[in-house]
Amino acid sequence: MAEISKYDMFLEELNALEKQIYYFLQKGSELLEQNQMLNNRINQLEKENEILKKRLAEIESKISKPLLNNENLFSLENFNNESREALKNKISELIARIDYHLRS
């Protein structure tokens, strides 16, 4: 009778180990899938970041051209004080949005 109980105990331990192995395999495959999804998201964000950097460079080049031609965007003839402040605020908002996108 002692031999049967040792055999049963051995089978129970073996079954418990099989369950643990199955659990770890499942968890490992879930982690691999999550890792792959995260890597895909990283690649997507890097591509978006490159596109935003190119757009930023284009915008900076468009902005710098008039400045290089000695044109003053904020001259008194072009804007009154309210328009000038509104334009400054809009530019500040755009810079903040671009900065946010570049940091994400």
PDB file of N, CA and C in Angstrom:
ATOM      1  N   MET A   1       0.818  -1.175   0.000  1.00  0.00           N
ATOM      2  CA  MET A   1       0.000   0.000   0.000  1.00  0.00           C
ATOM      3  C   MET A   1       0.876   1.259   0.000  1.00  0.00           C
ATOM      4  N   ALA A   2       2.013   1.202   0.672  1.00  0.00           N
ATOM      5  CA  ALA A   2       2.930   2.332   0.702  1.00  0.00           C
ATOM      6  C   ALA A   2       3.466   2.599  -0.691  1.00  0.00           C
ATOM      7  N   GLU A   3       3.662   1.543  -1.477  1.00  0.00           N
ATOM      8  CA  GLU A   3       4.175   1.725  -2.835  1.00  0.00           C
ATOM      9  C   GLU A   3       3.145   2.427  -3.715  1.00  0.00           C
ATOM     10  N   ILE A   4       1.910   2.127  -3.560  1.00  0.00           N
ATOM     11  CA  ILE A   4       0.860   2.747  -4.368  1.00  0.00           C
ATOM     12  C   ILE A   4       0.734   4.224  -4.011  1.00  0.00           C
ATOM     13  N   SER A   5       0.801   4.555  -2.781  1.00  0.00           N
ATOM     14  CA  SER A   5       0.683   5.960  -2.394  1.00  0.00           C
ATOM     15  C   SER A   5       1.893   6.757  -2.879  1.00  0.00           C
ATOM     16  N   LYS A   6       3.091   6.157  -2.880  1.00  0.00           N
ATOM     17  CA  LYS A   6       4.264   6.852  -3.424  1.00  0.00           C
ATOM     18  C   LYS A   6       4.087   7.059  -4.921  1.00  0.00           C
ATOM     19  N   TYR A   7       3.568   6.069  -5.587  1.00  0.00           N
ATOM     20  CA  TYR A   7       3.331   6.155  -7.027  1.00  0.00           C
ATOM     21  C   TYR A   7       2.280   7.223  -7.319  1.00  0.00           C
ATOM     22  N   ASP A   8       1.197   7.244  -6.562  1.00  0.00           N
ATOM     23  CA  ASP A   8       0.153   8.251  -6.744  1.00  0.00           C
ATOM     24  C   ASP A   8       0.698   9.652  -6.464  1.00  0.00           C
ATOM     25  N   MET A   9       1.501   9.774  -5.419  1.00  0.00           N
ATOM     26  CA  MET A   9       2.090  11.057  -5.072  1.00  0.00           C
ATOM     27  C   MET A   9       3.033  11.527  -6.195  1.00  0.00           C
ATOM     28  N   PHE A  10       3.791  10.603  -6.749  1.00  0.00           N
ATOM     29  CA  PHE A  10       4.693  10.926  -7.848  1.00  0.00           C
ATOM     30  C   PHE A  10       3.896  11.404  -9.062  1.00  0.00           C
ATOM     31  N   LEU A  11       2.795  10.744  -9.386  1.00  0.00           N
ATOM     32  CA  LEU A  11       1.962  11.152 -10.515  1.00  0.00           C
ATOM     33  C   LEU A  11       1.325  12.518 -10.268  1.00  0.00           C
ATOM     34  N   GLU A  12       0.894  12.782  -9.041  1.00  0.00           N
ATOM     35  CA  GLU A  12       0.319  14.080  -8.712  1.00  0.00           C
ATOM     36  C   GLU A  12       1.350  15.193  -8.871  1.00  0.00           C
ATOM     37  N   GLU A  13       2.565  14.941  -8.407  1.00  0.00           N
ATOM     38  CA  GLU A  13       3.635  15.928  -8.562  1.00  0.00           C
ATOM     39  C   GLU A  13       3.962  16.136 -10.034  1.00  0.00           C
ATOM     40  N   LEU A  14       3.961  15.062 -10.792  1.00  0.00           N
ATOM     41  CA  LEU A  14       4.228  15.141 -12.224  1.00  0.00           C
ATOM     42  C   LEU A  14       3.135  15.948 -12.924  1.00  0.00           C
ATOM     43  N   ASN A  15       1.888  15.726 -12.559  1.00  0.00           N
ATOM     44  CA  ASN A  15       0.776  16.494 -13.128  1.00  0.00           C
ATOM     45  C   ASN A  15       0.878  17.967 -12.753  1.00  0.00           C
ATOM     46  N   ALA A  16       1.251  18.233 -11.509  1.00  0.00           N
ATOM     47  CA  ALA A  16       1.416  19.620 -11.068  1.00  0.00           C
ATOM     48  C   ALA A  16       2.522  20.311 -11.865  1.00  0.00           C
ATOM     49  N   LEU A  17       3.613  19.611 -12.105  1.00  0.00           N
ATOM     50  CA  LEU A  17       4.709  20.176 -12.905  1.00  0.00           C
ATOM     51  C   LEU A  17       4.263  20.430 -14.337  1.00  0.00           C
ATOM     52  N   GLU A  18       3.496  19.513 -14.896  1.00  0.00           N
ATOM     53  CA  GLU A  18       2.986  19.706 -16.254  1.00  0.00           C
ATOM     54  C   GLU A  18       2.104  20.942 -16.335  1.00  0.00           C
ATOM     55  N   LYS A  19       1.256  21.146 -15.323  1.00  0.00           N
ATOM     56  CA  LYS A  19       0.391  22.324 -15.291  1.00  0.00           C
ATOM     57  C   LYS A  19       1.222  23.604 -15.200  1.00  0.00           C
ATOM     58  N   GLN A  20       2.259  23.577 -14.381  1.00  0.00           N
ATOM     59  CA  GLN A  20       3.118  24.757 -14.259  1.00  0.00           C
ATOM     60  C   GLN A  20       3.840  25.038 -15.568  1.00  0.00           C
ATOM     61  N   ILE A  21       4.323  24.005 -16.215  1.00  0.00           N
ATOM     62  CA  ILE A  21       5.016  24.190 -17.500  1.00  0.00           C
ATOM     63  C   ILE A  21       4.059  24.765 -18.529  1.00  0.00           C
ATOM     64  N   TYR A  22       2.845  24.230 -18.583  1.00  0.00           N
ATOM     65  CA  TYR A  22       1.841  24.736 -19.519  1.00  0.00           C
ATOM     66  C   TYR A  22       1.545  26.208 -19.237  1.00  0.00           C
ATOM     67  N   TYR A  23       1.394  26.549 -17.944  1.00  0.00           N
ATOM     68  CA  TYR A  23       1.140  27.938 -17.560  1.00  0.00           C
ATOM     69  C   TYR A  23       2.280  28.844 -18.009  1.00  0.00           C
ATOM     70  N   PHE A  24       3.518  28.430 -17.763  1.00  0.00           N
ATOM     71  CA  PHE A  24       4.676  29.244 -18.145  1.00  0.00           C
ATOM     72  C   PHE A  24       4.791  29.374 -19.661  1.00  0.00           C
ATOM     73  N   LEU A  25       4.455  28.327 -20.394  1.00  0.00           N
ATOM     74  CA  LEU A  25       4.478  28.412 -21.852  1.00  0.00           C
ATOM     75  C   LEU A  25       3.418  29.402 -22.349  1.00  0.00           C
ATOM     76  N   GLN A  26       2.238  29.340 -21.763  1.00  0.00           N
ATOM     77  CA  GLN A  26       1.173  30.273 -22.138  1.00  0.00           C
ATOM     78  C   GLN A  26       1.588  31.709 -21.829  1.00  0.00           C
ATOM     79  N   LYS A  27       2.106  31.911 -20.640  1.00  0.00           N
ATOM     80  CA  LYS A  27       2.541  33.252 -20.226  1.00  0.00           C
ATOM     81  C   LYS A  27       3.667  33.753 -21.129  1.00  0.00           C
ATOM     82  N   GLY A  28       4.592  32.854 -21.470  1.00  0.00           N
ATOM     83  CA  GLY A  28       5.692  33.230 -22.357  1.00  0.00           C
ATOM     84  C   GLY A  28       5.193  33.628 -23.732  1.00  0.00           C
ATOM     85  N   SER A  29       4.231  32.894 -24.278  1.00  0.00           N
ATOM     86  CA  SER A  29       3.706  33.239 -25.592  1.00  0.00           C
ATOM     87  C   SER A  29       2.933  34.559 -25.540  1.00  0.00           C
ATOM     88  N   GLU A  30       2.211  34.811 -24.439  1.00  0.00           N
ATOM     89  CA  GLU A  30       1.526  36.095 -24.284  1.00  0.00           C
ATOM     90  C   GLU A  30       2.529  37.244 -24.222  1.00  0.00           C
ATOM     91  N   LEU A  31       3.606  37.036 -23.492  1.00  0.00           N
ATOM     92  CA  LEU A  31       4.630  38.082 -23.386  1.00  0.00           C
ATOM     93  C   LEU A  31       5.301  38.338 -24.734  1.00  0.00           C
ATOM     94  N   LEU A  32       5.546  37.281 -25.499  1.00  0.00           N
ATOM     95  CA  LEU A  32       6.132  37.451 -26.824  1.00  0.00           C
ATOM     96  C   LEU A  32       5.194  38.248 -27.729  1.00  0.00           C
ATOM     97  N   GLU A  33       3.913  37.947 -27.650  1.00  0.00           N
ATOM     98  CA  GLU A  33       2.935  38.671 -28.466  1.00  0.00           C
ATOM     99  C   GLU A  33       2.874  40.144 -28.067  1.00  0.00           C
ATOM    100  N   GLN A  34       2.856  40.404 -26.765  1.00  0.00           N
ATOM    101  CA  GLN A  34       2.847  41.793 -26.297  1.00  0.00           C
ATOM    102  C   GLN A  34       4.117  42.521 -26.718  1.00  0.00           C
ATOM    103  N   ASN A  35       5.242  41.839 -26.629  1.00  0.00           N
ATOM    104  CA  ASN A  35       6.525  42.429 -27.025  1.00  0.00           C
ATOM    105  C   ASN A  35       6.505  42.781 -28.508  1.00  0.00           C
ATOM    106  N   GLN A  36       5.958  41.883 -29.325  1.00  0.00           N
ATOM    107  CA  GLN A  36       5.878  42.140 -30.767  1.00  0.00           C
ATOM    108  C   GLN A  36       4.974  43.340 -31.044  1.00  0.00           C
ATOM    109  N   MET A  37       3.849  43.424 -30.340  1.00  0.00           N
ATOM    110  CA  MET A  37       2.952  44.560 -30.517  1.00  0.00           C
ATOM    111  C   MET A  37       3.636  45.861 -30.118  1.00  0.00           C
ATOM    112  N   LEU A  38       4.388  45.826 -29.022  1.00  0.00           N
ATOM    113  CA  LEU A  38       5.104  47.026 -28.583  1.00  0.00           C
ATOM    114  C   LEU A  38       6.193  47.421 -29.585  1.00  0.00           C
ATOM    115  N   ASN A  39       6.884  46.444 -30.127  1.00  0.00           N
ATOM    116  CA  ASN A  39       7.910  46.737 -31.138  1.00  0.00           C
ATOM    117  C   ASN A  39       7.271  47.347 -32.380  1.00  0.00           C
ATOM    118  N   ASN A  40       6.116  46.833 -32.777  1.00  0.00           N
ATOM    119  CA  ASN A  40       5.411  47.408 -33.922  1.00  0.00           C
ATOM    120  C   ASN A  40       5.007  48.844 -33.638  1.00  0.00           C
ATOM    121  N   ARG A  41       4.531  49.094 -32.430  1.00  0.00           N
ATOM    122  CA  ARG A  41       4.129  50.452 -32.055  1.00  0.00           C
ATOM    123  C   ARG A  41       5.338  51.390 -32.037  1.00  0.00           C
ATOM    124  N   ILE A  42       6.467  50.899 -31.555  1.00  0.00           N
ATOM    125  CA  ILE A  42       7.696  51.704 -31.546  1.00  0.00           C
ATOM    126  C   ILE A  42       8.090  52.072 -32.969  1.00  0.00           C
ATOM    127  N   ASN A  43       8.036  51.086 -33.871  1.00  0.00           N
ATOM    128  CA  ASN A  43       8.389  51.356 -35.270  1.00  0.00           C
ATOM    129  C   ASN A  43       7.441  52.383 -35.877  1.00  0.00           C
ATOM    130  N   GLN A  44       6.149  52.246 -35.581  1.00  0.00           N
ATOM    131  CA  GLN A  44       5.170  53.187 -36.100  1.00  0.00           C
ATOM    132  C   GLN A  44       5.440  54.593 -35.568  1.00  0.00           C
ATOM    133  N   LEU A  45       5.723  54.707 -34.283  1.00  0.00           N
ATOM    134  CA  LEU A  45       5.993  56.016 -33.694  1.00  0.00           C
ATOM    135  C   LEU A  45       7.286  56.626 -34.233  1.00  0.00           C
ATOM    136  N   GLU A  46       8.281  55.789 -34.488  1.00  0.00           N
ATOM    137  CA  GLU A  46       9.526  56.307 -35.063  1.00  0.00           C
ATOM    138  C   GLU A  46       9.285  56.855 -36.468  1.00  0.00           C
ATOM    139  N   LYS A  47       8.447  56.164 -37.252  1.00  0.00           N
ATOM    140  CA  LYS A  47       8.117  56.662 -38.595  1.00  0.00           C
ATOM    141  C   LYS A  47       7.359  57.978 -38.501  1.00  0.00           C
ATOM    142  N   GLU A  48       6.377  58.046 -37.596  1.00  0.00           N
ATOM    143  CA  GLU A  48       5.633  59.290 -37.411  1.00  0.00           C
ATOM    144  C   GLU A  48       6.552  60.417 -36.963  1.00  0.00           C
ATOM    145  N   ASN A  49       7.496  60.090 -36.092  1.00  0.00           N
ATOM    146  CA  ASN A  49       8.447  61.084 -35.608  1.00  0.00           C
ATOM    147  C   ASN A  49       9.295  61.623 -36.760  1.00  0.00           C
ATOM    148  N   GLU A  50       9.737  60.741 -37.648  1.00  0.00           N
ATOM    149  CA  GLU A  50      10.525  61.180 -38.797  1.00  0.00           C
ATOM    150  C   GLU A  50       9.704  62.086 -39.709  1.00  0.00           C
ATOM    151  N   ILE A  51       8.431  61.719 -39.919  1.00  0.00           N
ATOM    152  CA  ILE A  51       7.558  62.544 -40.759  1.00  0.00           C
ATOM    153  C   ILE A  51       7.384  63.920 -40.126  1.00  0.00           C
ATOM    154  N   LEU A  52       7.171  63.947 -38.810  1.00  0.00           N
ATOM    155  CA  LEU A  52       7.004  65.231 -38.124  1.00  0.00           C
ATOM    156  C   LEU A  52       8.283  66.060 -38.163  1.00  0.00           C
ATOM    157  N   LYS A  53       9.426  65.406 -38.061  1.00  0.00           N
ATOM    158  CA  LYS A  53      10.694  66.141 -38.162  1.00  0.00           C
ATOM    159  C   LYS A  53      10.852  66.758 -39.543  1.00  0.00           C
ATOM    160  N   LYS A  54      10.464  66.011 -40.587  1.00  0.00           N
ATOM    161  CA  LYS A  54      10.551  66.548 -41.955  1.00  0.00           C
ATOM    162  C   LYS A  54       9.605  67.729 -42.122  1.00  0.00           C
ATOM    163  N   ARG A  55       8.387  67.581 -41.599  1.00  0.00           N
ATOM    164  CA  ARG A  55       7.426  68.682 -41.699  1.00  0.00           C
ATOM    165  C   ARG A  55       7.918  69.905 -40.952  1.00  0.00           C
ATOM    166  N   LEU A  56       8.524  69.676 -39.789  1.00  0.00           N
ATOM    167  CA  LEU A  56       9.069  70.785 -39.008  1.00  0.00           C
ATOM    168  C   LEU A  56      10.190  71.478 -39.778  1.00  0.00           C
ATOM    169  N   ALA A  57      11.056  70.690 -40.394  1.00  0.00           N
ATOM    170  CA  ALA A  57      12.147  71.277 -41.180  1.00  0.00           C
ATOM    171  C   ALA A  57      11.599  72.094 -42.349  1.00  0.00           C
ATOM    172  N   GLU A  58      10.540  71.579 -42.998  1.00  0.00           N
ATOM    173  CA  GLU A  58       9.930  72.322 -44.107  1.00  0.00           C
ATOM    174  C   GLU A  58       9.343  73.638 -43.618  1.00  0.00           C
ATOM    175  N   ILE A  59       8.648  73.578 -42.499  1.00  0.00           N
ATOM    176  CA  ILE A  59       8.029  74.792 -41.949  1.00  0.00           C
ATOM    177  C   ILE A  59       9.100  75.786 -41.540  1.00  0.00           C
ATOM    178  N   GLU A  60      10.161  75.302 -40.913  1.00  0.00           N
ATOM    179  CA  GLU A  60      11.246  76.203 -40.509  1.00  0.00           C
ATOM    180  C   GLU A  60      11.900  76.841 -41.726  1.00  0.00           C
ATOM    181  N   SER A  61      12.057  76.063 -42.795  1.00  0.00           N
ATOM    182  CA  SER A  61      12.662  76.645 -43.994  1.00  0.00           C
ATOM    183  C   SER A  61      11.739  77.680 -44.625  1.00  0.00           C
ATOM    184  N   LYS A  62      10.426  77.414 -44.605  1.00  0.00           N
ATOM    185  CA  LYS A  62       9.481  78.390 -45.155  1.00  0.00           C
ATOM    186  C   LYS A  62       9.469  79.664 -44.323  1.00  0.00           C
ATOM    187  N   ILE A  63       9.607  79.517 -43.023  1.00  0.00           N
ATOM    188  CA  ILE A  63       9.600  80.684 -42.140  1.00  0.00           C
ATOM    189  C   ILE A  63      10.894  81.464 -42.275  1.00  0.00           C
ATOM    190  N   SER A  64      11.993  80.759 -42.422  1.00  0.00           N
ATOM    191  CA  SER A  64      13.277  81.449 -42.458  1.00  0.00           C
ATOM    192  C   SER A  64      13.507  82.186 -43.777  1.00  0.00           C
ATOM    193  N   LYS A  65      12.866  81.772 -44.867  1.00  0.00           N
ATOM    194  CA  LYS A  65      13.061  82.451 -46.161  1.00  0.00           C
ATOM    195  C   LYS A  65      12.669  83.930 -46.102  1.00  0.00           C
ATOM    196  N   PRO A  66      11.486  84.265 -45.594  1.00  0.00           N
ATOM    197  CA  PRO A  66      11.170  85.703 -45.511  1.00  0.00           C
ATOM    198  C   PRO A  66      12.112  86.448 -44.565  1.00  0.00           C
ATOM    199  N   LEU A  67      12.546  85.797 -43.518  1.00  0.00           N
ATOM    200  CA  LEU A  67      13.463  86.467 -42.597  1.00  0.00           C
ATOM    201  C   LEU A  67      14.807  86.719 -43.248  1.00  0.00           C
ATOM    202  N   LEU A  68      15.225  85.795 -44.131  1.00  0.00           N
ATOM    203  CA  LEU A  68      16.488  85.989 -44.834  1.00  0.00           C
ATOM    204  C   LEU A  68      16.384  87.090 -45.886  1.00  0.00           C
ATOM    205  N   ASN A  69      15.183  87.326 -46.379  1.00  0.00           N
ATOM    206  CA  ASN A  69      14.965  88.378 -47.377  1.00  0.00           C
ATOM    207  C   ASN A  69      14.728  89.738 -46.732  1.00  0.00           C
ATOM    208  N   ASN A  70      15.050  89.839 -45.449  1.00  0.00           N
ATOM    209  CA  ASN A  70      14.930  91.085 -44.684  1.00  0.00           C
ATOM    210  C   ASN A  70      13.497  91.592 -44.598  1.00  0.00           C
ATOM    211  N   GLU A  71      12.544  90.706 -44.651  1.00  0.00           N
ATOM    212  CA  GLU A  71      11.157  91.100 -44.452  1.00  0.00           C
ATOM    213  C   GLU A  71      10.833  90.952 -42.978  1.00  0.00           C
ATOM    214  N   ASN A  72      10.173  91.928 -42.440  1.00  0.00           N
ATOM    215  CA  ASN A  72       9.805  91.890 -41.032  1.00  0.00           C
ATOM    216  C   ASN A  72       8.335  91.490 -40.931  1.00  0.00           C
ATOM    217  N   LEU A  73       8.088  90.316 -40.356  1.00  0.00           N
ATOM    218  CA  LEU A  73       6.718  89.819 -40.248  1.00  0.00           C
ATOM    219  C   LEU A  73       5.885  90.645 -39.280  1.00  0.00           C
ATOM    220  N   PHE A  74       6.517  91.307 -38.333  1.00  0.00           N
ATOM    221  CA  PHE A  74       5.800  92.025 -37.306  1.00  0.00           C
ATOM    222  C   PHE A  74       5.950  93.542 -37.458  1.00  0.00           C
ATOM    223  N   SER A  75       6.063  93.996 -38.684  1.00  0.00           N
ATOM    224  CA  SER A  75       6.198  95.437 -38.874  1.00  0.00           C
ATOM    225  C   SER A  75       4.867  96.122 -38.590  1.00  0.00           C
ATOM    226  N   LEU A  76       4.917  97.381 -38.269  1.00  0.00           N
ATOM    227  CA  LEU A  76       3.719  98.114 -37.884  1.00  0.00           C
ATOM    228  C   LEU A  76       2.746  98.256 -39.045  1.00  0.00           C
ATOM    229  N   GLU A  77       3.256  98.241 -40.270  1.00  0.00           N
ATOM    230  CA  GLU A  77       2.366  98.397 -41.419  1.00  0.00           C
ATOM    231  C   GLU A  77       1.488  97.162 -41.617  1.00  0.00           C
ATOM    232  N   ASN A  78       2.014  95.995 -41.255  1.00  0.00           N
ATOM    233  CA  ASN A  78       1.298  94.752 -41.537  1.00  0.00           C
ATOM    234  C   ASN A  78       0.250  94.400 -40.470  1.00  0.00           C
ATOM    235  N   PHE A  79       0.513  94.692 -39.218  1.00  0.00           N
ATOM    236  CA  PHE A  79      -0.368  94.251 -38.141  1.00  0.00           C
ATOM    237  C   PHE A  79      -0.560  95.346 -37.100  1.00  0.00           C
ATOM    238  N   ASN A  80      -1.738  95.326 -36.486  1.00  0.00           N
ATOM    239  CA  ASN A  80      -1.912  96.154 -35.302  1.00  0.00           C
ATOM    240  C   ASN A  80      -1.534  95.315 -34.090  1.00  0.00           C
ATOM    241  N   ASN A  81      -1.586  95.891 -32.911  1.00  0.00           N
ATOM    242  CA  ASN A  81      -1.133  95.184 -31.705  1.00  0.00           C
ATOM    243  C   ASN A  81      -1.941  93.923 -31.437  1.00  0.00           C
ATOM    244  N   GLU A  82      -3.252  93.975 -31.626  1.00  0.00           N
ATOM    245  CA  GLU A  82      -4.096  92.806 -31.367  1.00  0.00           C
ATOM    246  C   GLU A  82      -3.760  91.669 -32.339  1.00  0.00           C
ATOM    247  N   SER A  83      -3.604  91.998 -33.595  1.00  0.00           N
ATOM    248  CA  SER A  83      -3.269  90.975 -34.594  1.00  0.00           C
ATOM    249  C   SER A  83      -1.900  90.379 -34.319  1.00  0.00           C
ATOM    250  N   ARG A  84      -0.978  91.234 -33.913  1.00  0.00           N
ATOM    251  CA  ARG A  84       0.367  90.768 -33.609  1.00  0.00           C
ATOM    252  C   ARG A  84       0.350  89.798 -32.427  1.00  0.00           C
ATOM    253  N   GLU A  85      -0.397  90.108 -31.370  1.00  0.00           N
ATOM    254  CA  GLU A  85      -0.493  89.241 -30.203  1.00  0.00           C
ATOM    255  C   GLU A  85      -1.187  87.925 -30.558  1.00  0.00           C
ATOM    256  N   ALA A  86      -2.234  87.999 -31.381  1.00  0.00           N
ATOM    257  CA  ALA A  86      -2.942  86.785 -31.793  1.00  0.00           C
ATOM    258  C   ALA A  86      -2.003  85.886 -32.591  1.00  0.00           C
ATOM    259  N   LEU A  87      -1.212  86.480 -33.466  1.00  0.00           N
ATOM    260  CA  LEU A  87      -0.266  85.704 -34.266  1.00  0.00           C
ATOM    261  C   LEU A  87       0.815  85.083 -33.375  1.00  0.00           C
ATOM    262  N   LYS A  88       1.297  85.845 -32.403  1.00  0.00           N
ATOM    263  CA  LYS A  88       2.296  85.309 -31.466  1.00  0.00           C
ATOM    264  C   LYS A  88       1.722  84.133 -30.679  1.00  0.00           C
ATOM    265  N   ASN A  89       0.487  84.265 -30.228  1.00  0.00           N
ATOM    266  CA  ASN A  89      -0.147  83.174 -29.485  1.00  0.00           C
ATOM    267  C   ASN A  89      -0.317  81.938 -30.361  1.00  0.00           C
ATOM    268  N   LYS A  90      -0.740  82.136 -31.599  1.00  0.00           N
ATOM    269  CA  LYS A  90      -0.928  81.001 -32.509  1.00  0.00           C
ATOM    270  C   LYS A  90       0.406  80.307 -32.772  1.00  0.00           C
ATOM    271  N   ILE A  91       1.451  81.072 -32.963  1.00  0.00           N
ATOM    272  CA  ILE A  91       2.779  80.490 -33.190  1.00  0.00           C
ATOM    273  C   ILE A  91       3.236  79.726 -31.953  1.00  0.00           C
ATOM    274  N   SER A  92       2.987  80.277 -30.790  1.00  0.00           N
ATOM    275  CA  SER A  92       3.360  79.583 -29.552  1.00  0.00           C
ATOM    276  C   SER A  92       2.608  78.272 -29.412  1.00  0.00           C
ATOM    277  N   GLU A  93       1.321  78.251 -29.756  1.00  0.00           N
ATOM    278  CA  GLU A  93       0.535  77.020 -29.702  1.00  0.00           C
ATOM    279  C   GLU A  93       1.090  75.976 -30.678  1.00  0.00           C
ATOM    280  N   LEU A  94       1.418  76.418 -31.885  1.00  0.00           N
ATOM    281  CA  LEU A  94       1.967  75.496 -32.883  1.00  0.00           C
ATOM    282  C   LEU A  94       3.313  74.931 -32.440  1.00  0.00           C
ATOM    283  N   ILE A  95       4.136  75.772 -31.864  1.00  0.00           N
ATOM    284  CA  ILE A  95       5.434  75.297 -31.362  1.00  0.00           C
ATOM    285  C   ILE A  95       5.227  74.283 -30.247  1.00  0.00           C
ATOM    286  N   ALA A  96       4.280  74.526 -29.373  1.00  0.00           N
ATOM    287  CA  ALA A  96       4.000  73.584 -28.276  1.00  0.00           C
ATOM    288  C   ALA A  96       3.501  72.248 -28.827  1.00  0.00           C
ATOM    289  N   ARG A  97       2.635  72.287 -29.842  1.00  0.00           N
ATOM    290  CA  ARG A  97       2.136  71.045 -30.441  1.00  0.00           C
ATOM    291  C   ARG A  97       3.264  70.265 -31.125  1.00  0.00           C
ATOM    292  N   ILE A  98       4.110  70.967 -31.845  1.00  0.00           N
ATOM    293  CA  ILE A  98       5.221  70.307 -32.527  1.00  0.00           C
ATOM    294  C   ILE A  98       6.165  69.713 -31.496  1.00  0.00           C
ATOM    295  N   ASP A  99       6.442  70.453 -30.450  1.00  0.00           N
ATOM    296  CA  ASP A  99       7.320  69.956 -29.393  1.00  0.00           C
ATOM    297  C   ASP A  99       6.727  68.726 -28.730  1.00  0.00           C
ATOM    298  N   TYR A 100       5.421  68.737 -28.492  1.00  0.00           N
ATOM    299  CA  TYR A 100       4.747  67.571 -27.889  1.00  0.00           C
ATOM    300  C   TYR A 100       4.908  66.354 -28.791  1.00  0.00           C
ATOM    301  N   HIS A 101       4.679  66.546 -30.092  1.00  0.00           N
ATOM    302  CA  HIS A 101       4.802  65.415 -31.028  1.00  0.00           C
ATOM    303  C   HIS A 101       6.224  64.895 -31.111  1.00  0.00           C
ATOM    304  N   LEU A 102       7.185  65.784 -31.049  1.00  0.00           N
ATOM    305  CA  LEU A 102       8.575  65.339 -31.124  1.00  0.00           C
ATOM    306  C   LEU A 102       8.996  64.599 -29.869  1.00  0.00           C
ATOM    307  N   ARG A 103       8.422  64.948 -28.732  1.00  0.00           N
ATOM    308  CA  ARG A 103       8.801  64.279 -27.488  1.00  0.00           C
ATOM    309  C   ARG A 103       8.084  62.966 -27.283  1.00  0.00           C
ATOM    310  N   SER A 104       6.938  62.744 -27.995  1.00  0.00           N
ATOM    311  CA  SER A 104       6.229  61.479 -27.781  1.00  0.00           C
ATOM    312  C   SER A 104       6.801  60.357 -28.557  1.00  0.00           C
TER     313      SER A 104
END
